[in-house]
Amino acid sequence: MGTGQILLTVSALMVLGIIILSANSTLLENERVVMDSEFGVAAISLATSLVEEIQGKLYDAAAADSGITSLASLTPAGSLGPNTSERYRPTDSTKTDFNDIDDFNNFYIEYVADPSKPKKATYRGDSRGFRADYFMRAKVFYVYKTDLNGTAGIPTWHKKIIVSVASPSSRDTLVFPTIISYWN
């Protein structure tokens, strides 16, 4: 084999190597996009379920017996969250389930693919079918109707819920803000 043939062979092998590397990187990027989409769909489903569950609760504990006519009867802004007798979906008969929106303030739940992992969150959800771990948080606070992006330090007729979902398997944390108002 002559020098020209050796150069052609080496060049052909270099071009083949470049094509193989390019194809591999394309396949890896496609796999990343598919995985991000899968994690995103699961995270959106979890967040939507929690937001819908929260929306199904009373606006405030004061509305349990009758309608609310005064802001003074609402839970103070500094006291948002469950009281000591409430737990999320309790198995203990001495506790009651969350009954109003603000019970979800500082709510933290995990969905882990391997249930033998140590618990990090306050609550652990049913994770059957998940291939990744998801950690979901909720914050609840009052907002003024003129400033829905801020916070109100006093009770108002509008509560903002921010549900965020993170996964170690995803590059992004998904955030779902929702405003719930009480109309009297």
N, C-alpha and C. Protein backbone atom coordinates (compact mmCIF):
# COMPACT_ATOMS: atom_id res chain seq x y z
N MET A 1 0.85 -1.16 0.00
CA MET A 1 0.00 0.00 0.00
C MET A 1 0.90 1.23 0.00
N GLY A 2 0.57 2.19 -0.87
CA GLY A 2 1.39 3.39 -1.00
C GLY A 2 0.98 4.47 -0.01
N THR A 3 1.80 5.52 0.00
CA THR A 3 1.57 6.64 0.91
C THR A 3 0.22 7.29 0.65
N GLY A 4 -0.17 7.44 -0.60
CA GLY A 4 -1.46 8.05 -0.96
C GLY A 4 -2.63 7.24 -0.42
N GLN A 5 -2.53 5.91 -0.53
CA GLN A 5 -3.61 5.06 -0.03
C GLN A 5 -3.69 5.12 1.50
N ILE A 6 -2.57 5.19 2.14
CA ILE A 6 -2.56 5.28 3.61
C ILE A 6 -3.21 6.60 4.05
N LEU A 7 -2.86 7.70 3.37
CA LEU A 7 -3.46 8.99 3.70
C LEU A 7 -4.98 8.96 3.47
N LEU A 8 -5.43 8.35 2.38
CA LEU A 8 -6.87 8.23 2.12
C LEU A 8 -7.56 7.39 3.20
N THR A 9 -6.93 6.32 3.61
CA THR A 9 -7.50 5.45 4.64
C THR A 9 -7.60 6.18 5.98
N VAL A 10 -6.53 6.88 6.34
CA VAL A 10 -6.53 7.65 7.60
C VAL A 10 -7.60 8.74 7.54
N SER A 11 -7.69 9.43 6.42
CA SER A 11 -8.70 10.49 6.26
C SER A 11 -10.11 9.90 6.36
N ALA A 12 -10.33 8.78 5.73
CA ALA A 12 -11.65 8.14 5.78
C ALA A 12 -12.00 7.73 7.21
N LEU A 13 -11.02 7.20 7.94
CA LEU A 13 -11.26 6.82 9.34
C LEU A 13 -11.55 8.05 10.19
N MET A 14 -10.88 9.17 9.93
CA MET A 14 -11.15 10.40 10.68
C MET A 14 -12.57 10.89 10.41
N VAL A 15 -12.97 10.89 9.16
CA VAL A 15 -14.33 11.33 8.80
C VAL A 15 -15.36 10.39 9.45
N LEU A 16 -15.10 9.10 9.41
CA LEU A 16 -16.01 8.13 10.04
C LEU A 16 -16.09 8.38 11.55
N GLY A 17 -14.96 8.66 12.17
CA GLY A 17 -14.95 8.95 13.61
C GLY A 17 -15.77 10.19 13.93
N ILE A 18 -15.63 11.23 13.12
CA ILE A 18 -16.39 12.47 13.33
C ILE A 18 -17.89 12.20 13.18
N ILE A 19 -18.25 11.42 12.18
CA ILE A 19 -19.67 11.09 11.96
C ILE A 19 -20.21 10.29 13.14
N ILE A 20 -19.47 9.34 13.65
CA ILE A 20 -19.90 8.52 14.78
C ILE A 20 -20.06 9.38 16.03
N LEU A 21 -19.09 10.26 16.30
CA LEU A 21 -19.19 11.15 17.46
C LEU A 21 -20.38 12.07 17.34
N SER A 22 -20.61 12.60 16.16
CA SER A 22 -21.76 13.49 15.94
C SER A 22 -23.07 12.73 16.15
N ALA A 23 -23.15 11.52 15.64
CA ALA A 23 -24.37 10.72 15.82
C ALA A 23 -24.59 10.38 17.29
N ASN A 24 -23.53 10.04 18.01
CA ASN A 24 -23.65 9.73 19.44
C ASN A 24 -24.12 10.94 20.23
N SER A 25 -23.55 12.12 19.94
CA SER A 25 -23.97 13.31 20.69
C SER A 25 -25.42 13.66 20.37
N THR A 26 -25.85 13.45 19.14
CA THR A 26 -27.24 13.70 18.78
C THR A 26 -28.16 12.74 19.51
N LEU A 27 -27.78 11.48 19.58
CA LEU A 27 -28.59 10.49 20.30
C LEU A 27 -28.67 10.82 21.79
N LEU A 28 -27.55 11.24 22.38
CA LEU A 28 -27.55 11.60 23.80
C LEU A 28 -28.41 12.83 24.06
N GLU A 29 -28.34 13.81 23.18
CA GLU A 29 -29.17 15.01 23.34
C GLU A 29 -30.65 14.66 23.19
N ASN A 30 -30.98 13.81 22.25
CA ASN A 30 -32.37 13.38 22.08
C ASN A 30 -32.87 12.65 23.33
N GLU A 31 -32.01 11.81 23.92
CA GLU A 31 -32.39 11.10 25.14
C GLU A 31 -32.62 12.08 26.28
N ARG A 32 -31.79 13.11 26.37
CA ARG A 32 -31.96 14.13 27.42
C ARG A 32 -33.29 14.86 27.24
N VAL A 33 -33.63 15.20 26.01
CA VAL A 33 -34.89 15.89 25.73
C VAL A 33 -36.08 15.00 26.11
N VAL A 34 -36.01 13.73 25.77
CA VAL A 34 -37.09 12.79 26.12
C VAL A 34 -37.22 12.67 27.64
N MET A 35 -36.10 12.55 28.35
CA MET A 35 -36.13 12.44 29.81
C MET A 35 -36.68 13.72 30.43
N ASP A 36 -36.23 14.90 29.97
CA ASP A 36 -36.74 16.16 30.49
C ASP A 36 -38.24 16.26 30.26
N SER A 37 -38.70 15.81 29.11
CA SER A 37 -40.14 15.84 28.82
C SER A 37 -40.89 14.92 29.77
N GLU A 38 -40.36 13.73 30.01
CA GLU A 38 -41.01 12.79 30.93
C GLU A 38 -41.07 13.37 32.34
N PHE A 39 -39.96 13.92 32.81
CA PHE A 39 -39.94 14.51 34.14
C PHE A 39 -40.86 15.71 34.22
N GLY A 40 -40.88 16.51 33.16
CA GLY A 40 -41.75 17.68 33.12
C GLY A 40 -43.22 17.32 33.20
N VAL A 41 -43.62 16.30 32.44
CA VAL A 41 -45.02 15.88 32.46
C VAL A 41 -45.40 15.37 33.84
N ALA A 42 -44.55 14.57 34.46
CA ALA A 42 -44.84 14.06 35.81
C ALA A 42 -44.91 15.21 36.81
N ALA A 43 -43.99 16.16 36.72
CA ALA A 43 -43.98 17.30 37.65
C ALA A 43 -45.22 18.16 37.46
N ILE A 44 -45.61 18.40 36.23
CA ILE A 44 -46.82 19.18 35.95
C ILE A 44 -48.05 18.46 36.50
N SER A 45 -48.10 17.16 36.34
CA SER A 45 -49.23 16.39 36.86
C SER A 45 -49.32 16.48 38.37
N LEU A 46 -48.18 16.32 39.05
CA LEU A 46 -48.17 16.41 40.51
C LEU A 46 -48.60 17.80 40.98
N ALA A 47 -48.04 18.84 40.37
CA ALA A 47 -48.37 20.21 40.78
C ALA A 47 -49.83 20.53 40.51
N THR A 48 -50.33 20.13 39.36
CA THR A 48 -51.73 20.39 39.02
C THR A 48 -52.66 19.69 40.00
N SER A 49 -52.34 18.46 40.36
CA SER A 49 -53.15 17.73 41.32
C SER A 49 -53.19 18.43 42.67
N LEU A 50 -52.04 18.92 43.12
CA LEU A 50 -52.00 19.61 44.41
C LEU A 50 -52.77 20.94 44.34
N VAL A 51 -52.58 21.71 43.27
CA VAL A 51 -53.31 22.97 43.13
C VAL A 51 -54.82 22.71 43.12
N GLU A 52 -55.26 21.70 42.40
CA GLU A 52 -56.69 21.38 42.36
C GLU A 52 -57.20 20.93 43.72
N GLU A 53 -56.39 20.18 44.45
CA GLU A 53 -56.79 19.77 45.80
C GLU A 53 -56.93 20.99 46.71
N ILE A 54 -55.98 21.90 46.63
CA ILE A 54 -56.02 23.11 47.45
C ILE A 54 -57.25 23.95 47.08
N GLN A 55 -57.53 24.09 45.79
CA GLN A 55 -58.67 24.88 45.35
C GLN A 55 -59.99 24.30 45.84
N GLY A 56 -60.02 23.02 46.13
CA GLY A 56 -61.24 22.38 46.62
C GLY A 56 -61.48 22.59 48.11
N LYS A 57 -60.55 23.23 48.79
CA LYS A 57 -60.68 23.46 50.23
C LYS A 57 -61.37 24.80 50.48
N LEU A 58 -61.81 25.01 51.72
CA LEU A 58 -62.40 26.28 52.13
C LEU A 58 -61.38 27.39 51.98
N TYR A 59 -61.86 28.60 51.76
CA TYR A 59 -60.94 29.74 51.67
C TYR A 59 -60.23 29.93 53.00
N ASP A 60 -60.95 29.79 54.09
CA ASP A 60 -60.38 30.00 55.42
C ASP A 60 -61.17 29.16 56.41
N ALA A 61 -60.56 28.84 57.54
CA ALA A 61 -61.24 28.07 58.57
C ALA A 61 -62.48 28.81 59.07
N ALA A 62 -62.48 30.13 59.00
CA ALA A 62 -63.62 30.92 59.44
C ALA A 62 -64.86 30.67 58.58
N ALA A 63 -64.69 30.14 57.38
CA ALA A 63 -65.82 29.88 56.48
C ALA A 63 -66.45 28.52 56.73
N ALA A 64 -65.95 27.77 57.69
CA ALA A 64 -66.45 26.41 57.93
C ALA A 64 -67.91 26.40 58.36
N ASP A 65 -68.30 27.33 59.20
CA ASP A 65 -69.66 27.33 59.72
C ASP A 65 -70.59 28.26 58.96
N SER A 66 -70.07 29.32 58.42
CA SER A 66 -70.90 30.27 57.68
C SER A 66 -70.02 31.09 56.76
N GLY A 67 -70.62 31.99 56.03
CA GLY A 67 -69.85 32.85 55.14
C GLY A 67 -69.02 33.85 55.92
N ILE A 68 -68.02 34.37 55.26
CA ILE A 68 -67.14 35.35 55.89
C ILE A 68 -67.60 36.73 55.44
N THR A 69 -67.82 37.64 56.38
CA THR A 69 -68.25 38.99 56.03
C THR A 69 -67.23 40.04 56.40
N SER A 70 -66.23 39.67 57.18
CA SER A 70 -65.24 40.64 57.65
C SER A 70 -63.85 40.05 57.54
N LEU A 71 -62.91 40.87 57.08
CA LEU A 71 -61.51 40.44 57.00
C LEU A 71 -60.96 40.11 58.39
N ALA A 72 -61.52 40.71 59.41
CA ALA A 72 -61.04 40.48 60.78
C ALA A 72 -61.27 39.04 61.23
N SER A 73 -62.21 38.34 60.60
CA SER A 73 -62.48 36.95 61.01
C SER A 73 -61.54 35.95 60.32
N LEU A 74 -60.73 36.41 59.36
CA LEU A 74 -59.82 35.51 58.65
C LEU A 74 -58.58 35.20 59.50
N THR A 75 -57.93 34.10 59.18
CA THR A 75 -56.69 33.72 59.85
C THR A 75 -55.65 34.82 59.66
N PRO A 76 -54.99 35.26 60.74
CA PRO A 76 -53.95 36.29 60.59
C PRO A 76 -52.84 35.82 59.65
N ALA A 77 -52.24 36.77 58.95
CA ALA A 77 -51.19 36.44 57.97
C ALA A 77 -50.04 35.67 58.59
N GLY A 78 -49.69 35.95 59.82
CA GLY A 78 -48.58 35.26 60.47
C GLY A 78 -48.93 33.88 60.99
N SER A 79 -50.20 33.49 60.90
CA SER A 79 -50.64 32.20 61.43
C SER A 79 -51.08 31.22 60.35
N LEU A 80 -50.76 31.52 59.09
CA LEU A 80 -51.16 30.62 58.01
C LEU A 80 -50.42 29.29 58.15
N GLY A 81 -51.14 28.22 57.97
CA GLY A 81 -50.58 26.88 58.10
C GLY A 81 -51.53 26.01 58.91
N PRO A 82 -51.26 24.72 58.98
CA PRO A 82 -52.15 23.84 59.73
C PRO A 82 -52.03 24.07 61.23
N ASN A 83 -53.13 23.84 61.95
CA ASN A 83 -53.01 23.92 63.41
C ASN A 83 -52.57 22.55 63.92
N THR A 84 -52.34 22.42 65.19
CA THR A 84 -51.74 21.21 65.75
C THR A 84 -52.63 19.98 65.61
N SER A 85 -53.93 20.17 65.39
CA SER A 85 -54.81 19.01 65.27
C SER A 85 -54.97 18.57 63.82
N GLU A 86 -54.29 19.22 62.87
CA GLU A 86 -54.43 18.89 61.46
C GLU A 86 -53.17 18.25 60.91
N ARG A 87 -53.40 17.27 60.05
CA ARG A 87 -52.32 16.61 59.29
C ARG A 87 -52.84 16.35 57.90
N TYR A 88 -51.94 16.29 56.97
CA TYR A 88 -52.32 16.00 55.59
C TYR A 88 -52.66 14.51 55.47
N ARG A 89 -53.87 14.22 55.08
CA ARG A 89 -54.36 12.84 54.92
C ARG A 89 -53.93 11.97 56.11
N PRO A 90 -54.44 12.28 57.28
CA PRO A 90 -53.96 11.61 58.50
C PRO A 90 -54.38 10.14 58.57
N THR A 91 -53.51 9.35 59.17
CA THR A 91 -53.85 7.97 59.50
C THR A 91 -54.15 7.86 60.98
N ASP A 92 -53.82 8.89 61.71
CA ASP A 92 -54.06 8.97 63.15
C ASP A 92 -55.47 9.53 63.36
N SER A 93 -56.32 8.80 64.08
CA SER A 93 -57.72 9.21 64.27
C SER A 93 -57.86 10.46 65.14
N THR A 94 -56.81 10.87 65.80
CA THR A 94 -56.89 12.08 66.63
C THR A 94 -56.63 13.35 65.80
N LYS A 95 -56.24 13.19 64.55
CA LYS A 95 -55.94 14.33 63.69
C LYS A 95 -57.01 14.45 62.61
N THR A 96 -57.21 15.68 62.12
CA THR A 96 -58.13 15.90 61.02
C THR A 96 -57.34 16.33 59.78
N ASP A 97 -57.94 16.12 58.62
CA ASP A 97 -57.29 16.48 57.37
C ASP A 97 -57.30 17.99 57.19
N PHE A 98 -56.44 18.48 56.33
CA PHE A 98 -56.44 19.91 56.01
C PHE A 98 -57.83 20.28 55.51
N ASN A 99 -58.38 21.39 56.00
CA ASN A 99 -59.73 21.77 55.57
C ASN A 99 -59.80 23.12 54.87
N ASP A 100 -58.72 23.89 54.93
CA ASP A 100 -58.75 25.18 54.23
C ASP A 100 -57.42 25.44 53.53
N ILE A 101 -57.43 26.43 52.68
CA ILE A 101 -56.29 26.73 51.80
C ILE A 101 -55.00 26.96 52.57
N ASP A 102 -55.08 27.77 53.63
CA ASP A 102 -53.82 28.14 54.29
C ASP A 102 -53.18 27.01 55.07
N ASP A 103 -53.87 25.87 55.23
CA ASP A 103 -53.23 24.71 55.86
C ASP A 103 -52.04 24.21 55.04
N PHE A 104 -52.01 24.57 53.76
CA PHE A 104 -50.94 24.12 52.87
C PHE A 104 -49.72 25.05 52.90
N ASN A 105 -49.74 26.08 53.75
CA ASN A 105 -48.56 26.94 53.85
C ASN A 105 -47.39 26.14 54.42
N ASN A 106 -46.25 26.23 53.76
CA ASN A 106 -45.02 25.48 54.09
C ASN A 106 -45.19 23.96 53.97
N PHE A 107 -46.13 23.55 53.13
CA PHE A 107 -46.36 22.13 52.87
C PHE A 107 -45.18 21.59 52.06
N TYR A 108 -44.72 20.38 52.42
CA TYR A 108 -43.57 19.77 51.74
C TYR A 108 -43.83 18.27 51.63
N ILE A 109 -43.88 17.78 50.40
CA ILE A 109 -44.15 16.36 50.17
C ILE A 109 -43.16 15.83 49.14
N GLU A 110 -42.79 14.57 49.30
CA GLU A 110 -41.86 13.94 48.36
C GLU A 110 -42.52 12.73 47.73
N TYR A 111 -42.11 12.49 46.51
CA TYR A 111 -42.50 11.28 45.78
C TYR A 111 -41.18 10.65 45.35
N VAL A 112 -40.80 9.55 45.99
CA VAL A 112 -39.51 8.94 45.69
C VAL A 112 -39.72 7.59 45.01
N ALA A 113 -38.90 7.35 44.01
CA ALA A 113 -39.01 6.11 43.25
C ALA A 113 -38.63 4.90 44.09
N ASP A 114 -37.73 5.09 45.05
CA ASP A 114 -37.29 4.00 45.93
C ASP A 114 -37.77 4.30 47.35
N PRO A 115 -38.87 3.65 47.79
CA PRO A 115 -39.43 3.94 49.10
C PRO A 115 -38.51 3.61 50.28
N SER A 116 -37.42 2.89 50.04
CA SER A 116 -36.51 2.57 51.14
C SER A 116 -35.56 3.74 51.45
N LYS A 117 -35.58 4.77 50.61
CA LYS A 117 -34.73 5.95 50.86
C LYS A 117 -35.21 6.65 52.13
N PRO A 118 -34.29 7.29 52.85
CA PRO A 118 -34.70 8.04 54.04
C PRO A 118 -35.62 9.21 53.65
N LYS A 119 -36.57 9.47 54.51
CA LYS A 119 -37.55 10.51 54.25
C LYS A 119 -36.93 11.89 54.47
N LYS A 120 -37.10 12.80 53.49
CA LYS A 120 -36.58 14.16 53.59
C LYS A 120 -37.71 15.16 53.86
N ALA A 121 -38.89 14.88 53.32
CA ALA A 121 -40.01 15.82 53.42
C ALA A 121 -40.92 15.47 54.59
N THR A 122 -41.82 16.38 54.89
CA THR A 122 -42.78 16.16 55.96
C THR A 122 -43.70 15.00 55.63
N TYR A 123 -44.11 14.93 54.36
CA TYR A 123 -45.04 13.89 53.91
C TYR A 123 -44.42 13.14 52.74
N ARG A 124 -44.88 11.90 52.55
CA ARG A 124 -44.43 11.10 51.42
C ARG A 124 -45.65 10.62 50.66
N GLY A 125 -45.67 10.90 49.36
CA GLY A 125 -46.80 10.50 48.53
C GLY A 125 -46.56 9.16 47.86
N ASP A 126 -47.61 8.65 47.23
CA ASP A 126 -47.54 7.38 46.51
C ASP A 126 -46.74 7.60 45.23
N SER A 127 -45.63 6.91 45.10
CA SER A 127 -44.73 7.15 43.98
C SER A 127 -44.71 6.01 42.97
N ARG A 128 -45.69 5.12 43.04
CA ARG A 128 -45.70 4.02 42.07
C ARG A 128 -45.76 4.57 40.65
N GLY A 129 -44.92 4.05 39.80
CA GLY A 129 -44.89 4.46 38.41
C GLY A 129 -43.89 5.57 38.11
N PHE A 130 -43.32 6.18 39.14
CA PHE A 130 -42.34 7.24 38.90
C PHE A 130 -40.95 6.63 38.74
N ARG A 131 -40.19 7.17 37.79
CA ARG A 131 -38.81 6.71 37.60
C ARG A 131 -37.81 7.69 38.18
N ALA A 132 -38.32 8.74 38.81
CA ALA A 132 -37.44 9.75 39.41
C ALA A 132 -38.06 10.21 40.72
N ASP A 133 -37.29 10.95 41.49
CA ASP A 133 -37.78 11.52 42.74
C ASP A 133 -38.29 12.94 42.47
N TYR A 134 -39.37 13.31 43.16
CA TYR A 134 -39.94 14.65 43.04
C TYR A 134 -40.17 15.21 44.43
N PHE A 135 -39.84 16.48 44.59
CA PHE A 135 -40.02 17.17 45.87
C PHE A 135 -40.88 18.40 45.61
N MET A 136 -42.02 18.45 46.29
CA MET A 136 -42.99 19.49 46.03
C MET A 136 -43.22 20.33 47.29
N ARG A 137 -43.21 21.65 47.11
CA ARG A 137 -43.43 22.59 48.20
C ARG A 137 -44.59 23.51 47.84
N ALA A 138 -45.29 23.96 48.87
CA ALA A 138 -46.36 24.94 48.66
C ALA A 138 -46.21 26.06 49.69
N LYS A 139 -46.41 27.26 49.23
CA LYS A 139 -46.43 28.44 50.09
C LYS A 139 -47.78 29.12 49.87
N VAL A 140 -48.36 29.64 50.94
CA VAL A 140 -49.63 30.35 50.86
C VAL A 140 -49.47 31.67 51.59
N PHE A 141 -49.94 32.74 50.97
CA PHE A 141 -49.90 34.05 51.63
C PHE A 141 -50.97 34.94 51.03
N TYR A 142 -51.32 35.96 51.78
CA TYR A 142 -52.30 36.94 51.31
C TYR A 142 -51.63 37.89 50.33
N VAL A 143 -52.42 38.37 49.35
CA VAL A 143 -51.95 39.38 48.41
C VAL A 143 -53.03 40.45 48.26
N TYR A 144 -52.60 41.64 47.90
CA TYR A 144 -53.53 42.72 47.58
C TYR A 144 -53.97 42.58 46.13
N LYS A 145 -55.22 42.94 45.84
CA LYS A 145 -55.69 42.82 44.46
C LYS A 145 -54.95 43.77 43.53
N THR A 146 -54.33 44.79 44.07
CA THR A 146 -53.57 45.73 43.25
C THR A 146 -52.12 45.31 43.06
N ASP A 147 -51.68 44.29 43.80
CA ASP A 147 -50.30 43.82 43.69
C ASP A 147 -50.27 42.30 43.92
N LEU A 148 -50.62 41.56 42.89
CA LEU A 148 -50.70 40.10 43.01
C LEU A 148 -49.32 39.44 43.08
N ASN A 149 -48.26 40.18 42.81
CA ASN A 149 -46.91 39.61 42.89
C ASN A 149 -46.25 39.86 44.24
N GLY A 150 -46.85 40.72 45.04
CA GLY A 150 -46.30 41.01 46.36
C GLY A 150 -46.96 40.15 47.42
N THR A 151 -46.76 40.51 48.67
CA THR A 151 -47.43 39.82 49.77
C THR A 151 -48.08 40.87 50.66
N ALA A 152 -49.17 40.47 51.27
CA ALA A 152 -49.86 41.35 52.20
C ALA A 152 -49.62 40.84 53.61
N GLY A 153 -49.28 41.70 54.51
CA GLY A 153 -49.02 41.30 55.89
C GLY A 153 -50.29 41.20 56.72
N ILE A 154 -51.42 41.44 56.08
CA ILE A 154 -52.72 41.38 56.76
C ILE A 154 -53.67 40.54 55.91
N PRO A 155 -54.74 40.02 56.51
CA PRO A 155 -55.71 39.24 55.72
C PRO A 155 -56.36 40.08 54.62
N THR A 156 -56.53 39.47 53.46
CA THR A 156 -57.23 40.10 52.33
C THR A 156 -58.17 39.05 51.75
N TRP A 157 -58.91 39.43 50.75
CA TRP A 157 -59.83 38.50 50.09
C TRP A 157 -59.12 37.66 49.04
N HIS A 158 -57.81 37.75 48.96
CA HIS A 158 -57.05 37.03 47.93
C HIS A 158 -55.85 36.31 48.56
N LYS A 159 -55.74 35.02 48.29
CA LYS A 159 -54.58 34.24 48.74
C LYS A 159 -53.83 33.74 47.51
N LYS A 160 -52.53 33.81 47.59
CA LYS A 160 -51.68 33.29 46.52
C LYS A 160 -51.04 32.00 46.99
N ILE A 161 -51.10 31.01 46.12
CA ILE A 161 -50.47 29.72 46.38
C ILE A 161 -49.36 29.57 45.36
N ILE A 162 -48.18 29.22 45.83
CA ILE A 162 -47.08 28.93 44.92
C ILE A 162 -46.65 27.49 45.18
N VAL A 163 -46.87 26.65 44.19
CA VAL A 163 -46.46 25.25 44.26
C VAL A 163 -45.23 25.10 43.38
N SER A 164 -44.17 24.54 43.93
CA SER A 164 -42.95 24.30 43.15
C SER A 164 -42.59 22.82 43.23
N VAL A 165 -42.12 22.30 42.10
CA VAL A 165 -41.74 20.89 42.01
C VAL A 165 -40.31 20.82 41.49
N ALA A 166 -39.47 20.11 42.24
CA ALA A 166 -38.08 19.93 41.84
C ALA A 166 -37.78 18.43 41.77
N SER A 167 -36.84 18.09 40.93
CA SER A 167 -36.40 16.70 40.82
C SER A 167 -34.90 16.70 40.56
N PRO A 168 -34.16 15.85 41.27
CA PRO A 168 -32.73 15.75 40.98
C PRO A 168 -32.46 15.31 39.54
N SER A 169 -33.44 14.71 38.91
CA SER A 169 -33.29 14.21 37.55
C SER A 169 -33.62 15.26 36.49
N SER A 170 -34.03 16.44 36.92
CA SER A 170 -34.41 17.49 35.98
C SER A 170 -33.56 18.73 36.22
N ARG A 171 -33.34 19.47 35.17
CA ARG A 171 -32.54 20.69 35.28
C ARG A 171 -33.35 21.86 35.82
N ASP A 172 -34.67 21.76 35.78
CA ASP A 172 -35.52 22.89 36.13
C ASP A 172 -36.39 22.60 37.34
N THR A 173 -36.73 23.65 38.07
CA THR A 173 -37.76 23.58 39.10
C THR A 173 -38.99 24.26 38.50
N LEU A 174 -40.10 23.54 38.48
CA LEU A 174 -41.32 24.10 37.92
C LEU A 174 -42.08 24.82 39.02
N VAL A 175 -42.57 26.01 38.72
CA VAL A 175 -43.27 26.84 39.70
C VAL A 175 -44.66 27.18 39.16
N PHE A 176 -45.69 26.95 39.99
CA PHE A 176 -47.07 27.17 39.60
C PHE A 176 -47.75 28.14 40.58
N PRO A 177 -47.82 29.43 40.25
CA PRO A 177 -48.53 30.36 41.12
C PRO A 177 -50.03 30.36 40.79
N THR A 178 -50.85 30.46 41.82
CA THR A 178 -52.31 30.48 41.65
C THR A 178 -52.89 31.47 42.66
N ILE A 179 -53.85 32.25 42.21
CA ILE A 179 -54.57 33.17 43.10
C ILE A 179 -55.96 32.61 43.34
N ILE A 180 -56.34 32.57 44.61
CA ILE A 180 -57.69 32.15 44.97
C ILE A 180 -58.33 33.29 45.76
N SER A 181 -59.51 33.70 45.32
CA SER A 181 -60.19 34.83 45.96
C SER A 181 -61.48 34.38 46.62
N TYR A 182 -61.87 35.12 47.64
CA TYR A 182 -63.14 34.86 48.32
C TYR A 182 -64.06 36.02 47.95
N TRP A 183 -65.19 35.68 47.38
CA TRP A 183 -66.16 36.69 46.95
C TRP A 183 -67.31 36.67 47.92
N ASN A 184 -67.56 37.81 48.57
CA ASN A 184 -68.68 37.89 49.50
C ASN A 184 -69.73 38.85 49.03
